[in-house]
Amino acid sequence: MADPSLLVLAGAGAIAICAMILPGISGAFLLLMLGMYGAVINVVTDLRYIDAVVFLAGAAVGLALFSTVLGRLLDRARNPVMAVMVGLMVGSLRVLWPWPNGVGVISRHEDEIISGTGLDWPAADEWLAPTVAAAAGLAAVLIITRLARDRGSV
């Protein structure tokens, strides 16, 4: 969409910001799915201040509404909501871990196709460092949680 209306920009901002609160979902990816990524990038690069303010206002409204809805859902059905959020994180692991091989540059031109943006599994020797880092992070969290429980903080 080359030049979206202000209402469409506000709606795109509201939807994109909702993804920022959810684990494993990217606001930029949602803009790509909506066909608005190039238009929003053009708003920024062309310094179209009115459009940028409308996009940000939509994001602010979307953030306020979605965080309220998410908070209420967590109050009423914490376990199922947490299960969905963990599912989103686990589902995004394919892109994030061990390395996002080949996933990278997305052009600001909507019709440009960039080669090498597929998801290739990393080579066998590239798995060791992220696996060790993940294990160290898990161990650190478990140790800190155990220490906090022993002190009665958690």
N, C-alpha and C. Protein backbone atom coordinates (compact mmCIF):
# COMPACT_ATOMS: atom_id res chain seq x y z
N MET A 1 0.86 -1.17 0.00
CA MET A 1 0.00 0.00 0.00
C MET A 1 0.90 1.22 0.00
N ALA A 2 0.89 1.97 -1.08
CA ALA A 2 1.83 3.07 -1.25
C ALA A 2 1.54 4.24 -0.32
N ASP A 3 0.31 4.69 -0.28
CA ASP A 3 -0.03 5.85 0.54
C ASP A 3 -1.34 5.58 1.28
N PRO A 4 -1.25 4.89 2.41
CA PRO A 4 -2.48 4.52 3.14
C PRO A 4 -3.13 5.74 3.79
N SER A 5 -4.42 5.60 4.04
CA SER A 5 -5.14 6.68 4.72
C SER A 5 -4.70 6.75 6.18
N LEU A 6 -5.04 7.85 6.82
CA LEU A 6 -4.66 8.03 8.22
C LEU A 6 -5.32 6.98 9.11
N LEU A 7 -6.55 6.60 8.79
CA LEU A 7 -7.25 5.59 9.57
C LEU A 7 -6.55 4.23 9.45
N VAL A 8 -6.09 3.90 8.26
CA VAL A 8 -5.38 2.64 8.05
C VAL A 8 -4.05 2.66 8.80
N LEU A 9 -3.35 3.79 8.78
CA LEU A 9 -2.10 3.91 9.52
C LEU A 9 -2.32 3.74 11.02
N ALA A 10 -3.38 4.34 11.54
CA ALA A 10 -3.68 4.20 12.97
C ALA A 10 -4.00 2.74 13.30
N GLY A 11 -4.77 2.10 12.46
CA GLY A 11 -5.10 0.68 12.68
C GLY A 11 -3.86 -0.19 12.62
N ALA A 12 -2.97 0.08 11.68
CA ALA A 12 -1.73 -0.69 11.57
C ALA A 12 -0.87 -0.50 12.82
N GLY A 13 -0.83 0.72 13.34
CA GLY A 13 -0.09 0.97 14.57
C GLY A 13 -0.67 0.21 15.74
N ALA A 14 -2.00 0.19 15.83
CA ALA A 14 -2.66 -0.52 16.93
C ALA A 14 -2.40 -2.02 16.86
N ILE A 15 -2.43 -2.58 15.68
CA ILE A 15 -2.20 -4.02 15.53
C ILE A 15 -0.74 -4.36 15.76
N ALA A 16 0.17 -3.57 15.21
CA ALA A 16 1.60 -3.86 15.33
C ALA A 16 2.05 -3.80 16.79
N ILE A 17 1.54 -2.86 17.54
CA ILE A 17 1.98 -2.73 18.94
C ILE A 17 1.46 -3.88 19.79
N CYS A 18 0.33 -4.44 19.42
CA CYS A 18 -0.19 -5.59 20.17
C CYS A 18 0.80 -6.75 20.13
N ALA A 19 1.47 -6.91 19.00
CA ALA A 19 2.44 -7.99 18.86
C ALA A 19 3.63 -7.77 19.77
N MET A 20 3.91 -6.54 20.11
CA MET A 20 5.07 -6.26 20.94
C MET A 20 4.89 -6.75 22.38
N ILE A 21 3.66 -6.93 22.82
CA ILE A 21 3.44 -7.41 24.18
C ILE A 21 3.45 -8.94 24.22
N LEU A 22 3.16 -9.55 23.11
CA LEU A 22 3.10 -11.00 23.06
C LEU A 22 4.47 -11.57 22.72
N PRO A 23 4.88 -12.61 23.41
CA PRO A 23 6.18 -13.21 23.11
C PRO A 23 6.13 -13.99 21.80
N GLY A 24 7.18 -13.86 21.03
CA GLY A 24 7.28 -14.65 19.82
C GLY A 24 6.63 -14.07 18.59
N ILE A 25 6.04 -12.89 18.71
CA ILE A 25 5.39 -12.26 17.57
C ILE A 25 6.04 -10.90 17.37
N SER A 26 6.31 -10.57 16.13
CA SER A 26 6.96 -9.31 15.80
C SER A 26 5.95 -8.34 15.20
N GLY A 27 6.00 -7.11 15.67
CA GLY A 27 5.14 -6.07 15.11
C GLY A 27 5.48 -5.81 13.65
N ALA A 28 6.76 -5.86 13.32
CA ALA A 28 7.18 -5.67 11.93
C ALA A 28 6.64 -6.79 11.05
N PHE A 29 6.64 -8.01 11.59
CA PHE A 29 6.11 -9.14 10.82
C PHE A 29 4.62 -8.95 10.56
N LEU A 30 3.88 -8.48 11.55
CA LEU A 30 2.45 -8.22 11.33
C LEU A 30 2.25 -7.13 10.30
N LEU A 31 3.11 -6.10 10.33
CA LEU A 31 3.01 -5.06 9.31
C LEU A 31 3.28 -5.65 7.92
N LEU A 32 4.24 -6.57 7.83
CA LEU A 32 4.48 -7.25 6.55
C LEU A 32 3.25 -8.02 6.10
N MET A 33 2.63 -8.75 7.03
CA MET A 33 1.45 -9.54 6.68
C MET A 33 0.30 -8.65 6.24
N LEU A 34 0.20 -7.46 6.82
CA LEU A 34 -0.86 -6.53 6.45
C LEU A 34 -0.54 -5.74 5.19
N GLY A 35 0.69 -5.88 4.70
CA GLY A 35 1.11 -5.12 3.54
C GLY A 35 1.41 -3.67 3.87
N MET A 36 1.70 -3.40 5.13
CA MET A 36 1.92 -2.02 5.58
C MET A 36 3.38 -1.72 5.92
N TYR A 37 4.26 -2.72 5.87
CA TYR A 37 5.64 -2.52 6.28
C TYR A 37 6.32 -1.43 5.45
N GLY A 38 6.24 -1.55 4.15
CA GLY A 38 6.86 -0.56 3.26
C GLY A 38 6.28 0.83 3.46
N ALA A 39 4.97 0.90 3.65
CA ALA A 39 4.32 2.20 3.85
C ALA A 39 4.79 2.86 5.15
N VAL A 40 4.92 2.06 6.22
CA VAL A 40 5.37 2.62 7.50
C VAL A 40 6.84 3.03 7.42
N ILE A 41 7.66 2.24 6.76
CA ILE A 41 9.06 2.62 6.57
C ILE A 41 9.15 3.91 5.77
N ASN A 42 8.31 4.06 4.76
CA ASN A 42 8.30 5.29 3.97
C ASN A 42 7.87 6.50 4.79
N VAL A 43 6.95 6.29 5.72
CA VAL A 43 6.54 7.39 6.61
C VAL A 43 7.74 7.90 7.39
N VAL A 44 8.56 6.96 7.86
CA VAL A 44 9.73 7.34 8.66
C VAL A 44 10.80 7.98 7.78
N THR A 45 11.13 7.35 6.66
CA THR A 45 12.21 7.86 5.82
C THR A 45 11.86 9.17 5.12
N ASP A 46 10.58 9.36 4.81
CA ASP A 46 10.15 10.60 4.16
C ASP A 46 9.82 11.70 5.16
N LEU A 47 9.97 11.41 6.44
CA LEU A 47 9.70 12.37 7.52
C LEU A 47 8.30 12.98 7.41
N ARG A 48 7.32 12.11 7.23
CA ARG A 48 5.92 12.56 7.18
C ARG A 48 5.39 12.55 8.62
N TYR A 49 5.53 13.69 9.27
CA TYR A 49 5.26 13.80 10.69
C TYR A 49 3.81 13.53 11.06
N ILE A 50 2.88 14.03 10.28
CA ILE A 50 1.46 13.81 10.59
C ILE A 50 1.15 12.32 10.56
N ASP A 51 1.62 11.64 9.50
CA ASP A 51 1.39 10.20 9.40
C ASP A 51 2.05 9.46 10.56
N ALA A 52 3.25 9.88 10.93
CA ALA A 52 3.96 9.23 12.04
C ALA A 52 3.20 9.42 13.35
N VAL A 53 2.68 10.61 13.59
CA VAL A 53 1.92 10.88 14.82
C VAL A 53 0.64 10.04 14.84
N VAL A 54 -0.02 9.91 13.70
CA VAL A 54 -1.24 9.10 13.63
C VAL A 54 -0.91 7.63 13.89
N PHE A 55 0.19 7.13 13.31
CA PHE A 55 0.62 5.76 13.55
C PHE A 55 0.91 5.55 15.04
N LEU A 56 1.63 6.48 15.65
CA LEU A 56 1.96 6.38 17.07
C LEU A 56 0.72 6.50 17.95
N ALA A 57 -0.24 7.34 17.56
CA ALA A 57 -1.49 7.44 18.32
C ALA A 57 -2.25 6.12 18.26
N GLY A 58 -2.29 5.51 17.08
CA GLY A 58 -2.91 4.20 16.94
C GLY A 58 -2.21 3.17 17.80
N ALA A 59 -0.88 3.24 17.84
CA ALA A 59 -0.10 2.32 18.67
C ALA A 59 -0.41 2.54 20.15
N ALA A 60 -0.54 3.78 20.57
CA ALA A 60 -0.84 4.07 21.98
C ALA A 60 -2.22 3.54 22.36
N VAL A 61 -3.20 3.76 21.50
CA VAL A 61 -4.55 3.26 21.77
C VAL A 61 -4.54 1.72 21.77
N GLY A 62 -3.87 1.13 20.79
CA GLY A 62 -3.79 -0.33 20.73
C GLY A 62 -3.10 -0.92 21.95
N LEU A 63 -2.03 -0.27 22.40
CA LEU A 63 -1.32 -0.74 23.58
C LEU A 63 -2.20 -0.66 24.82
N ALA A 64 -2.89 0.45 24.99
CA ALA A 64 -3.77 0.61 26.15
C ALA A 64 -4.89 -0.43 26.15
N LEU A 65 -5.53 -0.61 25.01
CA LEU A 65 -6.64 -1.55 24.94
C LEU A 65 -6.17 -3.00 25.08
N PHE A 66 -5.11 -3.36 24.36
CA PHE A 66 -4.68 -4.75 24.38
C PHE A 66 -4.08 -5.14 25.71
N SER A 67 -3.33 -4.24 26.34
CA SER A 67 -2.75 -4.57 27.64
C SER A 67 -3.85 -4.74 28.69
N THR A 68 -4.92 -3.96 28.57
CA THR A 68 -6.06 -4.12 29.48
C THR A 68 -6.74 -5.46 29.26
N VAL A 69 -6.97 -5.80 28.01
CA VAL A 69 -7.60 -7.09 27.69
C VAL A 69 -6.72 -8.24 28.15
N LEU A 70 -5.42 -8.15 27.87
CA LEU A 70 -4.51 -9.21 28.27
C LEU A 70 -4.44 -9.34 29.79
N GLY A 71 -4.44 -8.22 30.50
CA GLY A 71 -4.45 -8.25 31.96
C GLY A 71 -5.69 -8.93 32.51
N ARG A 72 -6.83 -8.61 31.93
CA ARG A 72 -8.07 -9.24 32.38
C ARG A 72 -8.10 -10.73 32.07
N LEU A 73 -7.59 -11.09 30.89
CA LEU A 73 -7.51 -12.51 30.56
C LEU A 73 -6.60 -13.26 31.53
N LEU A 74 -5.48 -12.64 31.89
CA LEU A 74 -4.57 -13.28 32.85
C LEU A 74 -5.21 -13.41 34.22
N ASP A 75 -6.03 -12.43 34.60
CA ASP A 75 -6.73 -12.50 35.89
C ASP A 75 -7.76 -13.63 35.90
N ARG A 76 -8.45 -13.82 34.79
CA ARG A 76 -9.55 -14.79 34.74
C ARG A 76 -9.10 -16.20 34.37
N ALA A 77 -8.13 -16.31 33.50
CA ALA A 77 -7.73 -17.64 33.01
C ALA A 77 -6.21 -17.67 32.84
N ARG A 78 -5.51 -17.54 33.93
CA ARG A 78 -4.05 -17.41 33.88
C ARG A 78 -3.37 -18.59 33.18
N ASN A 79 -3.69 -19.80 33.56
CA ASN A 79 -3.00 -20.96 33.00
C ASN A 79 -3.20 -21.11 31.49
N PRO A 80 -4.43 -21.03 30.97
CA PRO A 80 -4.57 -21.15 29.51
C PRO A 80 -3.88 -20.01 28.75
N VAL A 81 -3.95 -18.80 29.28
CA VAL A 81 -3.30 -17.66 28.61
C VAL A 81 -1.78 -17.85 28.62
N MET A 82 -1.25 -18.29 29.75
CA MET A 82 0.19 -18.53 29.82
C MET A 82 0.59 -19.67 28.88
N ALA A 83 -0.27 -20.68 28.74
CA ALA A 83 0.02 -21.77 27.83
C ALA A 83 0.10 -21.27 26.38
N VAL A 84 -0.81 -20.38 26.02
CA VAL A 84 -0.78 -19.80 24.67
C VAL A 84 0.49 -18.97 24.48
N MET A 85 0.86 -18.18 25.49
CA MET A 85 2.05 -17.35 25.37
C MET A 85 3.32 -18.20 25.30
N VAL A 86 3.38 -19.28 26.06
CA VAL A 86 4.53 -20.19 25.96
C VAL A 86 4.54 -20.84 24.57
N GLY A 87 3.39 -21.19 24.07
CA GLY A 87 3.30 -21.75 22.72
C GLY A 87 3.81 -20.79 21.66
N LEU A 88 3.50 -19.51 21.82
CA LEU A 88 4.02 -18.52 20.88
C LEU A 88 5.54 -18.44 20.94
N MET A 89 6.08 -18.50 22.15
CA MET A 89 7.54 -18.46 22.30
C MET A 89 8.18 -19.70 21.69
N VAL A 90 7.63 -20.86 21.98
CA VAL A 90 8.19 -22.10 21.44
C VAL A 90 8.09 -22.10 19.91
N GLY A 91 6.99 -21.61 19.39
CA GLY A 91 6.83 -21.54 17.95
C GLY A 91 7.81 -20.61 17.27
N SER A 92 8.25 -19.58 17.96
CA SER A 92 9.20 -18.64 17.36
C SER A 92 10.64 -19.09 17.48
N LEU A 93 10.88 -20.15 18.23
CA LEU A 93 12.26 -20.62 18.41
C LEU A 93 12.93 -20.99 17.09
N ARG A 94 12.17 -21.49 16.15
CA ARG A 94 12.74 -21.89 14.86
C ARG A 94 13.45 -20.73 14.17
N VAL A 95 12.94 -19.55 14.33
CA VAL A 95 13.54 -18.38 13.70
C VAL A 95 14.64 -17.79 14.58
N LEU A 96 14.50 -17.90 15.89
CA LEU A 96 15.41 -17.24 16.79
C LEU A 96 16.60 -18.08 17.22
N TRP A 97 16.44 -19.41 17.26
CA TRP A 97 17.50 -20.24 17.82
C TRP A 97 17.80 -21.39 16.90
N PRO A 98 19.00 -21.79 16.73
CA PRO A 98 20.21 -21.25 17.32
C PRO A 98 20.69 -19.97 16.65
N TRP A 99 20.50 -19.82 15.38
CA TRP A 99 20.81 -18.55 14.71
C TRP A 99 19.80 -18.35 13.60
N PRO A 100 19.42 -17.14 13.35
CA PRO A 100 18.49 -16.90 12.23
C PRO A 100 19.24 -16.93 10.91
N ASN A 101 19.65 -18.12 10.49
CA ASN A 101 20.43 -18.27 9.27
C ASN A 101 19.65 -17.80 8.05
N GLY A 102 20.16 -16.79 7.40
CA GLY A 102 19.56 -16.34 6.15
C GLY A 102 18.39 -15.41 6.32
N VAL A 103 17.85 -15.27 7.50
CA VAL A 103 16.72 -14.37 7.69
C VAL A 103 17.31 -13.02 8.04
N GLY A 104 17.03 -12.05 7.27
CA GLY A 104 17.66 -10.78 7.56
C GLY A 104 17.01 -9.64 6.85
N VAL A 105 17.68 -9.15 5.86
CA VAL A 105 17.32 -7.89 5.23
C VAL A 105 15.94 -7.98 4.60
N ILE A 106 15.11 -7.06 4.99
CA ILE A 106 13.81 -6.92 4.36
C ILE A 106 13.82 -5.55 3.71
N SER A 107 13.58 -5.50 2.45
CA SER A 107 13.68 -4.25 1.71
C SER A 107 12.54 -3.31 2.06
N ARG A 108 12.81 -2.03 1.97
CA ARG A 108 11.74 -1.06 2.19
C ARG A 108 10.84 -0.95 0.97
N HIS A 109 11.25 -1.55 -0.14
CA HIS A 109 10.44 -1.56 -1.35
C HIS A 109 9.59 -2.82 -1.33
N GLU A 110 8.30 -2.64 -1.35
CA GLU A 110 7.37 -3.74 -1.15
C GLU A 110 7.49 -4.84 -2.20
N ASP A 111 7.86 -4.51 -3.41
CA ASP A 111 7.88 -5.50 -4.48
C ASP A 111 9.27 -6.11 -4.71
N GLU A 112 10.27 -5.72 -3.94
CA GLU A 112 11.62 -6.25 -4.12
C GLU A 112 11.76 -7.61 -3.44
N ILE A 113 12.32 -8.56 -4.16
CA ILE A 113 12.55 -9.89 -3.62
C ILE A 113 14.04 -10.03 -3.34
N ILE A 114 14.37 -10.46 -2.15
CA ILE A 114 15.77 -10.58 -1.74
C ILE A 114 16.10 -12.05 -1.59
N SER A 115 17.14 -12.49 -2.26
CA SER A 115 17.53 -13.89 -2.15
C SER A 115 18.22 -14.13 -0.81
N GLY A 116 18.17 -15.37 -0.35
CA GLY A 116 18.83 -15.74 0.89
C GLY A 116 18.03 -15.41 2.14
N THR A 117 16.74 -15.22 2.02
CA THR A 117 15.94 -14.91 3.20
C THR A 117 15.18 -16.13 3.70
N GLY A 118 15.57 -17.31 3.26
CA GLY A 118 14.92 -18.53 3.73
C GLY A 118 15.49 -18.97 5.06
N LEU A 119 14.80 -19.87 5.71
CA LEU A 119 15.25 -20.41 6.98
C LEU A 119 16.05 -21.68 6.74
N ASP A 120 17.35 -21.57 6.81
CA ASP A 120 18.22 -22.73 6.67
C ASP A 120 18.69 -23.15 8.05
N TRP A 121 18.75 -24.46 8.28
CA TRP A 121 19.27 -24.94 9.55
C TRP A 121 20.76 -24.64 9.60
N PRO A 122 21.26 -24.24 10.76
CA PRO A 122 22.68 -23.94 10.86
C PRO A 122 23.53 -25.21 10.75
N ALA A 123 24.79 -25.00 10.45
CA ALA A 123 25.72 -26.13 10.38
C ALA A 123 25.89 -26.73 11.77
N ALA A 124 26.34 -27.98 11.79
CA ALA A 124 26.45 -28.71 13.06
C ALA A 124 27.38 -28.01 14.05
N ASP A 125 28.45 -27.38 13.58
CA ASP A 125 29.38 -26.72 14.49
C ASP A 125 28.85 -25.39 15.04
N GLU A 126 27.73 -24.90 14.51
CA GLU A 126 27.15 -23.65 15.00
C GLU A 126 26.18 -23.87 16.16
N TRP A 127 25.92 -25.10 16.56
CA TRP A 127 24.96 -25.40 17.62
C TRP A 127 25.58 -25.34 19.01
N LEU A 128 26.87 -25.52 19.14
CA LEU A 128 27.49 -25.63 20.46
C LEU A 128 27.36 -24.35 21.29
N ALA A 129 27.76 -23.23 20.75
CA ALA A 129 27.74 -21.97 21.52
C ALA A 129 26.33 -21.59 21.99
N PRO A 130 25.30 -21.62 21.13
CA PRO A 130 23.98 -21.26 21.64
C PRO A 130 23.43 -22.27 22.64
N THR A 131 23.79 -23.54 22.48
CA THR A 131 23.32 -24.55 23.43
C THR A 131 23.95 -24.34 24.80
N VAL A 132 25.25 -24.06 24.83
CA VAL A 132 25.93 -23.78 26.09
C VAL A 132 25.37 -22.50 26.73
N ALA A 133 25.14 -21.47 25.91
CA ALA A 133 24.58 -20.23 26.44
C ALA A 133 23.18 -20.44 27.01
N ALA A 134 22.36 -21.23 26.32
CA ALA A 134 21.01 -21.51 26.81
C ALA A 134 21.06 -22.29 28.12
N ALA A 135 21.94 -23.28 28.20
CA ALA A 135 22.07 -24.06 29.43
C ALA A 135 22.58 -23.20 30.58
N ALA A 136 23.53 -22.30 30.31
CA ALA A 136 24.04 -21.40 31.35
C ALA A 136 22.95 -20.43 31.81
N GLY A 137 22.17 -19.93 30.88
CA GLY A 137 21.06 -19.05 31.25
C GLY A 137 20.02 -19.76 32.09
N LEU A 138 19.67 -20.96 31.72
CA LEU A 138 18.72 -21.75 32.49
C LEU A 138 19.25 -22.02 33.89
N ALA A 139 20.52 -22.41 33.98
CA ALA A 139 21.12 -22.67 35.29
C ALA A 139 21.12 -21.41 36.16
N ALA A 140 21.43 -20.26 35.57
CA ALA A 140 21.44 -19.01 36.32
C ALA A 140 20.05 -18.68 36.86
N VAL A 141 19.04 -18.84 36.02
CA VAL A 141 17.67 -18.56 36.46
C VAL A 141 17.26 -19.51 37.59
N LEU A 142 17.57 -20.79 37.45
CA LEU A 142 17.22 -21.75 38.50
C LEU A 142 17.94 -21.46 39.80
N ILE A 143 19.22 -21.09 39.72
CA ILE A 143 19.98 -20.77 40.93
C ILE A 143 19.43 -19.52 41.60
N ILE A 144 19.16 -18.48 40.83
CA ILE A 144 18.62 -17.24 41.40
C ILE A 144 17.26 -17.48 42.02
N THR A 145 16.41 -18.27 41.35
CA THR A 145 15.09 -18.59 41.90
C THR A 145 15.22 -19.37 43.20
N ARG A 146 16.13 -20.31 43.24
CA ARG A 146 16.34 -21.11 44.46
C ARG A 146 16.82 -20.23 45.61
N LEU A 147 17.77 -19.33 45.33
CA LEU A 147 18.27 -18.41 46.36
C LEU A 147 17.17 -17.48 46.86
N ALA A 148 16.33 -17.00 45.95
CA ALA A 148 15.24 -16.11 46.33
C ALA A 148 14.22 -16.85 47.20
N ARG A 149 13.94 -18.09 46.87
CA ARG A 149 13.01 -18.88 47.68
C ARG A 149 13.57 -19.15 49.07
N ASP A 150 14.86 -19.45 49.13
CA ASP A 150 15.50 -19.71 50.42
C ASP A 150 15.44 -18.48 51.33
N ARG A 151 15.51 -17.30 50.74
CA ARG A 151 15.43 -16.05 51.50
C ARG A 151 14.00 -15.60 51.74
N GLY A 152 13.05 -16.28 51.12
CA GLY A 152 11.64 -15.93 51.30
C GLY A 152 11.18 -14.78 50.43
N SER A 153 11.95 -14.44 49.39
CA SER A 153 11.60 -13.32 48.53
C SER A 153 10.56 -13.67 47.49
N VAL A 154 10.49 -14.93 47.11
CA VAL A 154 9.56 -15.32 46.04
C VAL A 154 8.39 -16.04 46.61
